């Protein structure tokens, strides 16, 4: 692990396009500002661990597979077939909701904008 000492308003550069700046030091808390391209995901460690666990659970969940199987076997509405009233049509892929209720990251994979405060 590389250990660096920085003062308020000083930065470090990671690679060519990630800049980490010390914004404020208050007691034992340090506020950091991170500038990175939109395709670089930036998460606090505990958030990253929770997202990884949720993704693993969703990928291995038999309940999630059951929901997908039921959706695949469900009759489609509006195809001219009989109307059996067996539930609603499957959600469209563009709805943005996960079938298993797992949380997902924002499209850019960020927790907030550059001015959002952190606890």
N, C-alpha and C. Protein backbone atom coordinates (compact mmCIF):
# COMPACT_ATOMS: atom_id res chain seq x y z
N UNK A 1 0.84 -1.18 0.00
CA UNK A 1 0.00 0.00 0.00
C UNK A 1 0.89 1.24 0.00
N UNK A 2 0.58 2.14 -0.88
CA UNK A 2 1.28 3.42 -0.93
C UNK A 2 0.63 4.37 0.07
N UNK A 3 1.41 4.99 0.92
CA UNK A 3 0.90 5.93 1.92
C UNK A 3 1.43 7.32 1.58
N UNK A 4 0.51 8.27 1.43
CA UNK A 4 0.87 9.65 1.08
C UNK A 4 0.33 10.60 2.13
N UNK A 5 1.00 11.70 2.31
CA UNK A 5 0.53 12.77 3.18
C UNK A 5 0.11 13.94 2.31
N UNK A 6 -1.10 14.44 2.54
CA UNK A 6 -1.63 15.58 1.78
C UNK A 6 -2.27 16.54 2.75
N UNK A 7 -2.29 17.81 2.40
CA UNK A 7 -2.98 18.83 3.16
C UNK A 7 -4.26 19.20 2.43
N UNK A 8 -5.11 19.97 3.07
CA UNK A 8 -6.36 20.42 2.46
C UNK A 8 -6.06 21.12 1.14
N UNK A 9 -6.86 20.82 0.15
CA UNK A 9 -6.78 21.34 -1.22
C UNK A 9 -5.59 20.79 -2.01
N UNK A 10 -4.92 19.78 -1.49
CA UNK A 10 -3.87 19.11 -2.26
C UNK A 10 -4.46 17.82 -2.84
N UNK A 11 -3.89 17.37 -3.95
CA UNK A 11 -4.46 16.24 -4.68
C UNK A 11 -3.42 15.16 -4.94
N UNK A 12 -3.93 13.99 -5.33
CA UNK A 12 -3.09 12.94 -5.91
C UNK A 12 -3.75 12.54 -7.22
N UNK A 13 -2.96 12.08 -8.15
CA UNK A 13 -3.46 11.66 -9.45
C UNK A 13 -3.25 10.16 -9.58
N UNK A 14 -4.30 9.46 -10.00
CA UNK A 14 -4.23 8.01 -10.23
C UNK A 14 -4.40 7.79 -11.72
N UNK A 15 -3.42 7.14 -12.33
CA UNK A 15 -3.45 6.99 -13.78
C UNK A 15 -3.33 8.36 -14.42
N UNK A 16 -4.05 8.55 -15.53
CA UNK A 16 -4.01 9.83 -16.23
C UNK A 16 -5.26 10.66 -16.01
N UNK A 17 -6.32 10.04 -15.45
CA UNK A 17 -7.59 10.76 -15.45
C UNK A 17 -8.39 10.68 -14.15
N UNK A 18 -7.80 10.21 -13.07
CA UNK A 18 -8.49 10.20 -11.77
C UNK A 18 -7.71 11.09 -10.82
N UNK A 19 -8.40 12.07 -10.23
CA UNK A 19 -7.77 13.00 -9.30
C UNK A 19 -8.54 12.93 -7.98
N UNK A 20 -7.81 12.71 -6.89
CA UNK A 20 -8.40 12.68 -5.54
C UNK A 20 -7.86 13.89 -4.79
N UNK A 21 -8.78 14.74 -4.32
CA UNK A 21 -8.41 15.98 -3.64
C UNK A 21 -8.92 15.96 -2.20
N UNK A 22 -8.08 16.35 -1.25
CA UNK A 22 -8.50 16.49 0.14
C UNK A 22 -9.26 17.81 0.23
N UNK A 23 -10.55 17.73 0.57
CA UNK A 23 -11.39 18.93 0.65
C UNK A 23 -11.43 19.52 2.04
N UNK A 24 -11.46 18.64 3.04
CA UNK A 24 -11.63 19.12 4.41
C UNK A 24 -11.18 18.02 5.37
N UNK A 25 -10.60 18.44 6.49
CA UNK A 25 -10.26 17.52 7.58
C UNK A 25 -10.98 18.05 8.81
N UNK A 26 -11.84 17.20 9.40
CA UNK A 26 -12.61 17.59 10.57
C UNK A 26 -12.47 16.48 11.61
N UNK A 27 -11.62 16.67 12.60
CA UNK A 27 -11.38 15.63 13.60
C UNK A 27 -10.74 14.42 12.95
N UNK A 28 -11.41 13.26 13.07
CA UNK A 28 -10.87 12.05 12.46
C UNK A 28 -11.51 11.73 11.11
N UNK A 29 -12.27 12.68 10.55
CA UNK A 29 -12.88 12.49 9.24
C UNK A 29 -12.18 13.36 8.20
N UNK A 30 -12.02 12.77 7.02
CA UNK A 30 -11.41 13.47 5.90
C UNK A 30 -12.41 13.46 4.75
N UNK A 31 -12.74 14.61 4.20
CA UNK A 31 -13.62 14.70 3.03
C UNK A 31 -12.75 14.75 1.79
N UNK A 32 -13.05 13.85 0.86
CA UNK A 32 -12.30 13.76 -0.38
C UNK A 32 -13.19 14.12 -1.55
N UNK A 33 -12.62 14.76 -2.54
CA UNK A 33 -13.30 14.99 -3.81
C UNK A 33 -12.61 14.14 -4.86
N UNK A 34 -13.40 13.44 -5.66
CA UNK A 34 -12.83 12.54 -6.67
C UNK A 34 -13.33 12.97 -8.03
N UNK A 35 -12.40 13.25 -8.93
CA UNK A 35 -12.73 13.57 -10.31
C UNK A 35 -12.29 12.39 -11.16
N UNK A 36 -13.26 11.80 -11.88
CA UNK A 36 -12.97 10.62 -12.70
C UNK A 36 -13.90 10.62 -13.91
N UNK A 37 -13.50 9.96 -14.98
CA UNK A 37 -14.39 9.85 -16.14
C UNK A 37 -15.67 9.10 -15.76
N UNK A 38 -16.74 9.34 -16.49
CA UNK A 38 -18.02 8.71 -16.19
C UNK A 38 -17.96 7.19 -16.29
N UNK A 39 -17.06 6.65 -17.08
CA UNK A 39 -16.98 5.19 -17.21
C UNK A 39 -16.20 4.53 -16.07
N UNK A 40 -15.65 5.32 -15.15
CA UNK A 40 -14.94 4.78 -13.99
C UNK A 40 -15.90 4.82 -12.81
N UNK A 41 -16.22 3.64 -12.27
CA UNK A 41 -17.12 3.58 -11.12
C UNK A 41 -16.37 3.98 -9.86
N UNK A 42 -17.01 4.80 -9.04
CA UNK A 42 -16.42 5.26 -7.78
C UNK A 42 -17.43 4.97 -6.68
N UNK A 43 -17.05 4.13 -5.72
CA UNK A 43 -17.92 3.76 -4.60
C UNK A 43 -17.12 3.77 -3.31
N UNK A 44 -17.81 4.03 -2.20
CA UNK A 44 -17.19 3.78 -0.91
C UNK A 44 -17.07 2.27 -0.77
N UNK A 45 -16.10 1.81 0.00
CA UNK A 45 -15.84 0.37 0.11
C UNK A 45 -17.06 -0.41 0.58
N UNK A 46 -17.79 0.10 1.58
CA UNK A 46 -18.95 -0.64 2.10
C UNK A 46 -20.08 -0.70 1.08
N UNK A 47 -20.24 0.34 0.27
CA UNK A 47 -21.26 0.33 -0.79
C UNK A 47 -20.87 -0.67 -1.87
N UNK A 48 -19.60 -0.69 -2.24
CA UNK A 48 -19.12 -1.63 -3.25
C UNK A 48 -19.34 -3.07 -2.78
N UNK A 49 -19.06 -3.35 -1.51
CA UNK A 49 -19.25 -4.70 -0.97
C UNK A 49 -20.73 -5.09 -1.00
N UNK A 50 -21.63 -4.17 -0.67
CA UNK A 50 -23.06 -4.45 -0.69
C UNK A 50 -23.55 -4.71 -2.12
N UNK A 51 -23.08 -3.91 -3.08
CA UNK A 51 -23.46 -4.12 -4.48
C UNK A 51 -22.97 -5.47 -4.99
N UNK A 52 -21.74 -5.81 -4.65
CA UNK A 52 -21.17 -7.09 -5.08
C UNK A 52 -21.97 -8.25 -4.49
N UNK A 53 -22.31 -8.17 -3.21
CA UNK A 53 -23.08 -9.23 -2.56
C UNK A 53 -24.47 -9.36 -3.19
N UNK A 54 -25.12 -8.24 -3.46
CA UNK A 54 -26.45 -8.26 -4.07
C UNK A 54 -26.39 -8.86 -5.47
N UNK A 55 -25.37 -8.52 -6.23
CA UNK A 55 -25.22 -9.07 -7.58
C UNK A 55 -24.97 -10.57 -7.53
N UNK A 56 -24.12 -11.02 -6.59
CA UNK A 56 -23.87 -12.46 -6.45
C UNK A 56 -25.14 -13.20 -6.08
N UNK A 57 -25.90 -12.65 -5.14
CA UNK A 57 -27.13 -13.29 -4.70
C UNK A 57 -28.13 -13.36 -5.86
N UNK A 58 -28.24 -12.28 -6.62
CA UNK A 58 -29.17 -12.27 -7.75
C UNK A 58 -28.77 -13.28 -8.80
N UNK A 59 -27.48 -13.45 -9.02
CA UNK A 59 -27.00 -14.38 -10.05
C UNK A 59 -27.20 -15.83 -9.65
N UNK A 60 -27.21 -16.11 -8.34
CA UNK A 60 -27.33 -17.50 -7.89
C UNK A 60 -28.67 -17.82 -7.27
N UNK A 61 -29.57 -16.86 -7.21
CA UNK A 61 -30.86 -17.04 -6.54
C UNK A 61 -31.79 -17.91 -7.37
N UNK A 62 -32.28 -18.99 -6.77
CA UNK A 62 -33.25 -19.83 -7.46
C UNK A 62 -34.59 -19.10 -7.56
N UNK A 63 -34.88 -18.20 -6.62
CA UNK A 63 -36.11 -17.42 -6.69
C UNK A 63 -36.08 -16.52 -7.92
N UNK A 64 -34.94 -15.91 -8.19
CA UNK A 64 -34.80 -15.07 -9.37
C UNK A 64 -34.97 -15.87 -10.66
N UNK A 65 -34.42 -17.09 -10.67
CA UNK A 65 -34.58 -17.95 -11.84
C UNK A 65 -36.03 -18.37 -12.00
N UNK A 66 -36.74 -18.61 -10.89
CA UNK A 66 -38.15 -18.98 -10.96
C UNK A 66 -38.97 -17.85 -11.56
N UNK A 67 -38.70 -16.61 -11.15
CA UNK A 67 -39.42 -15.46 -11.69
C UNK A 67 -39.18 -15.35 -13.19
N UNK A 68 -37.94 -15.51 -13.61
CA UNK A 68 -37.63 -15.44 -15.04
C UNK A 68 -38.32 -16.56 -15.81
N UNK A 69 -38.38 -17.75 -15.24
CA UNK A 69 -39.04 -18.89 -15.88
C UNK A 69 -40.53 -18.61 -16.03
N UNK A 70 -41.15 -18.06 -14.98
CA UNK A 70 -42.58 -17.74 -15.05
C UNK A 70 -42.85 -16.67 -16.09
N UNK A 71 -41.97 -15.68 -16.19
CA UNK A 71 -42.16 -14.63 -17.18
C UNK A 71 -42.04 -15.19 -18.59
N UNK A 72 -41.12 -16.11 -18.78
CA UNK A 72 -40.93 -16.70 -20.11
C UNK A 72 -42.13 -17.55 -20.51
N UNK A 73 -42.78 -18.20 -19.53
CA UNK A 73 -43.90 -19.09 -19.81
C UNK A 73 -45.25 -18.37 -19.83
N UNK A 74 -45.30 -17.13 -19.34
CA UNK A 74 -46.56 -16.38 -19.25
C UNK A 74 -47.08 -16.04 -20.63
N UNK A 75 -48.41 -16.13 -20.82
CA UNK A 75 -48.98 -15.74 -22.12
C UNK A 75 -48.82 -14.23 -22.31
N UNK A 76 -48.53 -13.84 -23.51
CA UNK A 76 -48.35 -12.42 -23.81
C UNK A 76 -49.69 -11.79 -24.10
N UNK A 77 -49.89 -10.57 -23.60
CA UNK A 77 -51.13 -9.85 -23.87
C UNK A 77 -51.02 -9.15 -25.22
N UNK A 78 -52.14 -9.04 -25.90
CA UNK A 78 -52.17 -8.30 -27.15
C UNK A 78 -51.69 -9.11 -28.34
N UNK A 79 -51.63 -10.44 -28.23
CA UNK A 79 -51.18 -11.24 -29.36
C UNK A 79 -52.33 -11.89 -30.09
N UNK A 80 -53.57 -11.56 -29.68
CA UNK A 80 -54.73 -12.11 -30.36
C UNK A 80 -55.18 -13.42 -29.75
N UNK A 81 -54.50 -13.91 -28.74
CA UNK A 81 -54.87 -15.16 -28.08
C UNK A 81 -55.99 -14.94 -27.11
N UNK A 82 -56.37 -16.01 -26.41
CA UNK A 82 -57.45 -15.91 -25.45
C UNK A 82 -57.02 -15.09 -24.25
N UNK A 83 -57.96 -14.42 -23.63
CA UNK A 83 -57.67 -13.60 -22.47
C UNK A 83 -58.00 -14.42 -21.23
N UNK A 84 -57.00 -15.04 -20.62
CA UNK A 84 -57.23 -15.89 -19.47
C UNK A 84 -57.18 -15.13 -18.16
N UNK A 85 -56.70 -13.89 -18.16
CA UNK A 85 -56.64 -13.09 -16.94
C UNK A 85 -55.63 -13.61 -15.95
N UNK A 86 -54.57 -14.25 -16.39
CA UNK A 86 -53.59 -14.83 -15.48
C UNK A 86 -52.47 -13.85 -15.18
N UNK A 87 -52.78 -12.70 -14.68
CA UNK A 87 -51.74 -11.76 -14.27
C UNK A 87 -51.39 -10.76 -15.36
N UNK A 88 -50.51 -9.89 -15.01
CA UNK A 88 -50.11 -8.81 -15.90
C UNK A 88 -49.00 -9.26 -16.83
N UNK A 89 -48.81 -8.49 -17.84
CA UNK A 89 -47.73 -8.77 -18.79
C UNK A 89 -46.39 -8.55 -18.11
N UNK A 90 -45.35 -9.24 -18.57
CA UNK A 90 -44.03 -9.03 -17.98
C UNK A 90 -43.58 -7.59 -18.16
N UNK A 91 -42.80 -7.07 -17.20
CA UNK A 91 -42.31 -5.70 -17.33
C UNK A 91 -41.40 -5.57 -18.53
N UNK A 92 -41.43 -4.38 -19.13
CA UNK A 92 -40.57 -4.17 -20.28
C UNK A 92 -39.12 -4.05 -19.83
N UNK A 93 -38.16 -4.46 -20.67
CA UNK A 93 -36.75 -4.35 -20.29
C UNK A 93 -36.31 -2.93 -20.01
N UNK A 94 -37.02 -1.94 -20.54
CA UNK A 94 -36.61 -0.56 -20.34
C UNK A 94 -37.17 0.05 -19.06
N UNK A 95 -37.88 -0.76 -18.24
CA UNK A 95 -38.47 -0.19 -17.03
C UNK A 95 -37.44 0.15 -15.98
N UNK A 96 -36.26 -0.47 -16.03
CA UNK A 96 -35.20 -0.13 -15.10
C UNK A 96 -35.33 -0.81 -13.75
N UNK A 97 -36.31 -1.69 -13.58
CA UNK A 97 -36.50 -2.36 -12.29
C UNK A 97 -35.95 -3.77 -12.37
N UNK A 98 -35.23 -4.18 -11.33
CA UNK A 98 -34.70 -5.54 -11.28
C UNK A 98 -35.82 -6.49 -10.89
N UNK A 99 -35.86 -7.67 -11.48
CA UNK A 99 -36.90 -8.65 -11.19
C UNK A 99 -36.78 -9.19 -9.78
N UNK A 100 -35.61 -9.19 -9.21
CA UNK A 100 -35.42 -9.77 -7.88
C UNK A 100 -35.40 -8.73 -6.78
N UNK A 101 -35.60 -7.48 -7.08
CA UNK A 101 -35.64 -6.44 -6.07
C UNK A 101 -34.27 -5.99 -5.60
N UNK A 102 -33.21 -6.47 -6.22
CA UNK A 102 -31.86 -6.08 -5.81
C UNK A 102 -31.59 -4.64 -6.22
N UNK A 103 -30.83 -3.97 -5.41
CA UNK A 103 -30.47 -2.59 -5.72
C UNK A 103 -29.48 -2.59 -6.87
N UNK A 104 -29.55 -1.57 -7.68
CA UNK A 104 -28.59 -1.46 -8.76
C UNK A 104 -27.96 -0.08 -8.73
N UNK A 105 -26.80 0.02 -9.30
CA UNK A 105 -26.08 1.30 -9.34
C UNK A 105 -26.71 2.20 -10.37
N UNK A 106 -26.45 3.47 -10.25
CA UNK A 106 -26.92 4.41 -11.25
C UNK A 106 -26.21 4.12 -12.56
N UNK A 107 -26.75 4.60 -13.68
CA UNK A 107 -26.13 4.30 -14.98
C UNK A 107 -24.65 4.61 -15.04
N UNK A 108 -24.23 5.66 -14.40
CA UNK A 108 -22.82 6.00 -14.46
C UNK A 108 -22.03 5.31 -13.36
N UNK A 109 -22.73 4.58 -12.47
CA UNK A 109 -22.05 3.86 -11.41
C UNK A 109 -21.54 4.76 -10.31
N UNK A 110 -22.16 5.89 -10.10
CA UNK A 110 -21.71 6.83 -9.10
C UNK A 110 -22.74 6.96 -7.99
N UNK A 111 -22.26 7.36 -6.82
CA UNK A 111 -23.14 7.52 -5.68
C UNK A 111 -23.72 8.92 -5.58
N UNK A 112 -23.16 9.85 -6.24
CA UNK A 112 -23.66 11.22 -6.18
C UNK A 112 -22.78 12.13 -7.01
N UNK A 113 -23.23 13.32 -7.22
CA UNK A 113 -22.47 14.28 -8.00
C UNK A 113 -21.30 14.83 -7.22
N UNK A 114 -20.51 15.64 -7.85
CA UNK A 114 -19.32 16.16 -7.20
C UNK A 114 -19.59 17.01 -5.96
N UNK A 115 -20.78 17.60 -5.87
CA UNK A 115 -21.06 18.48 -4.73
C UNK A 115 -21.85 17.78 -3.64
N UNK A 116 -22.15 16.48 -3.78
CA UNK A 116 -22.97 15.81 -2.78
C UNK A 116 -22.17 15.50 -1.53
N UNK A 117 -22.71 15.83 -0.34
CA UNK A 117 -21.97 15.58 0.91
C UNK A 117 -21.96 14.11 1.26
N UNK A 118 -20.95 13.68 1.96
CA UNK A 118 -20.84 12.30 2.41
C UNK A 118 -20.88 12.29 3.93
N UNK A 119 -21.45 11.23 4.50
CA UNK A 119 -21.47 11.10 5.96
C UNK A 119 -20.19 10.50 6.46
